[in-house]
Structure formats: C-alpha cells, structure tokens
C-alpha atoms as a PDB file:
ATOM      1  CA  MET A   1       2.884 -18.315  -3.028  1.00  0.00           C
ATOM      2  CA  PRO A   2      -0.380 -19.258  -1.252  1.00  0.00           C
ATOM      3  CA  SER A   3      -3.670 -17.767  -2.338  1.00  0.00           C
ATOM      4  CA  PHE A   4      -5.271 -15.074  -0.188  1.00  0.00           C
ATOM      5  CA  SER A   5      -8.031 -17.492   0.857  1.00  0.00           C
ATOM      6  CA  ALA A   6      -5.412 -19.879   2.250  1.00  0.00           C
ATOM      7  CA  LEU A   7      -4.339 -17.129   4.665  1.00  0.00           C
ATOM      8  CA  LEU A   8      -7.848 -16.924   6.174  1.00  0.00           C
ATOM      9  CA  ILE A   9      -7.236 -19.425   8.974  1.00  0.00           C
ATOM     10  CA  HIS A  10     -10.141 -18.461  11.254  1.00  0.00           C
ATOM     11  CA  THR A  11     -13.921 -18.499  10.996  1.00  0.00           C
ATOM     12  CA  CYS A  12     -16.479 -16.142  12.464  1.00  0.00           C
ATOM     13  CA  ASP A  13     -20.171 -15.320  12.460  1.00  0.00           C
ATOM     14  CA  ILE A  14     -21.436 -11.981  11.196  1.00  0.00           C
ATOM     15  CA  GLN A  15     -24.478 -10.491  12.903  1.00  0.00           C
ATOM     16  CA  ALA A  16     -26.863  -7.658  12.079  1.00  0.00           C
ATOM     17  CA  LYS A  17     -29.165  -5.771  14.416  1.00  0.00           C
ATOM     18  CA  THR A  18     -32.906  -6.191  14.099  1.00  0.00           C
ATOM     19  CA  LEU A  19     -35.584  -4.209  15.896  1.00  0.00           C
ATOM     20  CA  ASN A  20     -38.512  -6.076  17.396  1.00  0.00           C
ATOM     21  CA  THR A  21     -41.582  -4.616  19.029  1.00  0.00           C
ATOM     22  CA  SER A  22     -42.093  -5.491  22.675  1.00  0.00           C
ATOM     23  CA  GLY A  23     -45.163  -3.776  24.052  1.00  0.00           C
ATOM     24  CA  TYR A  24     -44.728  -0.162  23.008  1.00  0.00           C
ATOM     25  CA  GLU A  25     -40.946  -0.308  22.629  1.00  0.00           C
ATOM     26  CA  GLN A  26     -38.502  -1.230  19.890  1.00  0.00           C
ATOM     27  CA  VAL A  27     -36.022  -3.747  21.282  1.00  0.00           C
ATOM     28  CA  ALA A  28     -32.733  -4.396  19.501  1.00  0.00           C
ATOM     29  CA  ALA A  29     -31.595  -7.975  18.945  1.00  0.00           C
ATOM     30  CA  TRP A  30     -28.625  -9.417  17.074  1.00  0.00           C
ATOM     31  CA  ALA A  31     -29.006 -12.298  14.628  1.00  0.00           C
ATOM     32  CA  ASN A  32     -26.558 -14.119  12.368  1.00  0.00           C
ATOM     33  CA  VAL A  33     -26.607 -13.061   8.729  1.00  0.00           C
ATOM     34  CA  ALA A  34     -23.664 -15.346   7.932  1.00  0.00           C
ATOM     35  CA  ALA A  35     -22.073 -18.198   9.897  1.00  0.00           C
ATOM     36  CA  GLY A  36     -18.719 -19.907   9.537  1.00  0.00           C
ATOM     37  CA  VAL A  37     -17.256 -17.091   7.410  1.00  0.00           C
ATOM     38  CA  SER A  38     -13.562 -17.478   6.581  1.00  0.00           C
ATOM     39  CA  CYS A  39     -11.465 -14.677   8.039  1.00  0.00           C
ATOM     40  CA  ARG A  40      -8.172 -13.851   9.658  1.00  0.00           C
ATOM     41  CA  HIS A  41      -8.133 -12.064  13.018  1.00  0.00           C
ATOM     42  CA  ASP A  42      -5.199  -9.828  13.835  1.00  0.00           C
ATOM     43  CA  TYR A  43      -4.412  -7.073  16.298  1.00  0.00           C
ATOM     44  CA  ASP A  44      -3.414  -3.498  15.583  1.00  0.00           C
ATOM     45  CA  GLY A  45       0.184  -3.272  16.787  1.00  0.00           C
ATOM     46  CA  SER A  46      -0.001   0.406  17.680  1.00  0.00           C
ATOM     47  CA  VAL A  47      -1.951   0.437  20.925  1.00  0.00           C
ATOM     48  CA  SER A  48      -2.365   4.035  22.023  1.00  0.00           C
ATOM     49  CA  ILE A  49      -4.824   6.855  22.345  1.00  0.00           C
ATOM     50  CA  SER A  50      -3.808  10.178  20.904  1.00  0.00           C
ATOM     51  CA  ASP A  51      -5.602  12.977  22.711  1.00  0.00           C
ATOM     52  CA  THR A  52      -5.003  16.177  20.785  1.00  0.00           C
ATOM     53  CA  GLU A  53      -7.853  17.882  19.005  1.00  0.00           C
ATOM     54  CA  LEU A  54      -8.996  14.517  17.678  1.00  0.00           C
ATOM     55  CA  ARG A  55      -9.245  11.445  19.877  1.00  0.00           C
ATOM     56  CA  GLU A  56      -8.245   8.327  17.965  1.00  0.00           C
ATOM     57  CA  ASN A  57      -8.384   4.776  19.331  1.00  0.00           C
ATOM     58  CA  LYS A  58      -5.594   2.493  18.132  1.00  0.00           C
ATOM     59  CA  ASP A  59      -6.491  -0.608  20.136  1.00  0.00           C
ATOM     60  CA  ASP A  60      -9.022  -2.036  17.684  1.00  0.00           C
ATOM     61  CA  ASP A  61      -8.717  -5.464  16.103  1.00  0.00           C
ATOM     62  CA  VAL A  62      -8.419  -6.117  12.380  1.00  0.00           C
ATOM     63  CA  PHE A  63     -10.214  -8.846  10.442  1.00  0.00           C
ATOM     64  CA  PHE A  64      -9.471  -9.837   6.854  1.00  0.00           C
ATOM     65  CA  PHE A  65     -12.155 -11.320   4.590  1.00  0.00           C
ATOM     66  CA  ASN A  66     -12.531 -12.435   0.996  1.00  0.00           C
ATOM     67  CA  ALA A  67     -13.932  -9.735  -1.287  1.00  0.00           C
ATOM     68  CA  ASP A  68     -17.385 -11.362  -1.405  1.00  0.00           C
ATOM     69  CA  ALA A  69     -17.894 -11.465   2.388  1.00  0.00           C
ATOM     70  CA  SER A  70     -21.148  -9.938   3.558  1.00  0.00           C
ATOM     71  CA  VAL A  71     -19.951  -7.572   6.276  1.00  0.00           C
ATOM     72  CA  SER A  72     -20.910  -3.919   6.744  1.00  0.00           C
ATOM     73  CA  GLU A  73     -20.316  -1.110   9.186  1.00  0.00           C
ATOM     74  CA  GLY A  74     -22.792  -1.497  12.036  1.00  0.00           C
ATOM     75  CA  ASN A  75     -22.609  -5.311  11.953  1.00  0.00           C
ATOM     76  CA  ARG A  76     -20.975  -7.446  14.620  1.00  0.00           C
ATOM     77  CA  ILE A  77     -18.345 -10.149  14.297  1.00  0.00           C
ATOM     78  CA  VAL A  78     -18.387 -13.086  16.710  1.00  0.00           C
ATOM     79  CA  HIS A  79     -15.029 -14.847  16.768  1.00  0.00           C
ATOM     80  CA  ASP A  80     -13.610 -17.257  19.318  1.00  0.00           C
ATOM     81  CA  GLY A  81     -16.400 -16.496  21.796  1.00  0.00           C
ATOM     82  CA  LYS A  82     -15.824 -12.723  21.660  1.00  0.00           C
ATOM     83  CA  THR A  83     -17.938 -10.052  20.012  1.00  0.00           C
ATOM     84  CA  TYR A  84     -16.643  -7.067  18.015  1.00  0.00           C
ATOM     85  CA  ASP A  85     -18.547  -4.081  16.626  1.00  0.00           C
ATOM     86  CA  VAL A  86     -17.668  -3.400  12.981  1.00  0.00           C
ATOM     87  CA  ILE A  87     -16.280   0.145  12.947  1.00  0.00           C
ATOM     88  CA  LYS A  88     -14.897   0.376   9.426  1.00  0.00           C
ATOM     89  CA  VAL A  89     -14.844  -1.756   6.272  1.00  0.00           C
ATOM     90  CA  ARG A  90     -11.981  -1.015   3.880  1.00  0.00           C
ATOM     91  CA  LYS A  91     -12.148  -2.368   0.334  1.00  0.00           C
ATOM     92  CA  LEU A  92      -8.681  -3.171  -0.957  1.00  0.00           C
ATOM     93  CA  TYR A  93      -8.092  -3.561  -4.687  1.00  0.00           C
ATOM     94  CA  ASP A  94      -5.346  -5.172  -6.701  1.00  0.00           C
ATOM     95  CA  SER A  95      -4.490  -3.717 -10.124  1.00  0.00           C
ATOM     96  CA  ALA A  96      -7.913  -4.607 -11.561  1.00  0.00           C
ATOM     97  CA  VAL A  97     -10.557  -5.780  -9.081  1.00  0.00           C
ATOM     98  CA  LEU A  98     -11.575  -5.839  -5.432  1.00  0.00           C
ATOM     99  CA  HIS A  99      -9.060  -8.160  -3.759  1.00  0.00           C
ATOM    100  CA  HIS A 100     -10.212  -8.413  -0.127  1.00  0.00           C
ATOM    101  CA  LEU A 101     -11.844  -6.609   2.787  1.00  0.00           C
ATOM    102  CA  GLU A 102     -10.023  -5.253   5.814  1.00  0.00           C
ATOM    103  CA  VAL A 103     -12.433  -4.735   8.703  1.00  0.00           C
ATOM    104  CA  VAL A 104     -11.755  -2.803  11.902  1.00  0.00           C
ATOM    105  CA  GLY A 105     -13.586  -4.260  14.898  1.00  0.00           C
ATOM    106  CA  ARG A 106     -13.876  -3.034  18.474  1.00  0.00           C
ATOM    107  CA  PHE A 107     -14.275  -5.573  21.286  1.00  0.00           C
ATOM    108  CA  VAL A 108     -17.687  -5.424  22.951  1.00  0.00           C
ATOM    109  CA  THR A 109     -18.221  -6.412  26.561  1.00  0.00           C
ATOM    110  CA  THR A 110     -21.508  -8.286  26.697  1.00  0.00           C
ATOM    111  CA  SER A 111     -23.334  -9.124  29.900  1.00  0.00           C
END
C-alpha cells in the first residue's frame, strides 16, 4: 500500500494576502508563502446548488495536503495556472495523530 505522500501527485503554490499602503489607501496584494507544495487536486463530484433556507455551493474543488502543509482559510492556492480561494481547511486524523489536510478551494477568475 503506497504512503499518503505518494498519492500527492501535483504541486501548487500557496499565497497569502498582504496590505500595502499606496497614497492614502490600503491595497491588497497576494504573495507566495510556500512554493512547490505537494498536493492532490480533485473535484467535488456533486455539482449542484441547493437553494432552500441555506444556499450551499457544491462545485468547489478539493485539495489534499500532508499534515504539515502551511495552508489556512483566507489563503489562495495556485495550481496548473488557476487560482483558488481557500474556503475551508479540514484536519483529518488517523487513530493517533493528524494524518492529512483536506482543503476546499473555489476557483477565482482573475483579470
């Protein structure tokens, strides 16, 4: 049985937002906090929007990372020339320790 790390067949960059002063304004910019991070990119198979009392998007992408990856909600993932906002970071444990991270990302259209 292959190790979890062997299943991480992609790489990505993780970015964080910084605020810089330009004149009298704070301007947001994105900068890499980690580059070439091992991951696995997958797609949520249940593409739909449920519009009852709670609107829930199901068309987000899923990224898997080793437990020590430096990724947080509010970061961005850049993979294969596309950018994704980090919506949720789930910590998944085995019977004793943190095993890996499952990250939900939403595609961002950049112009």
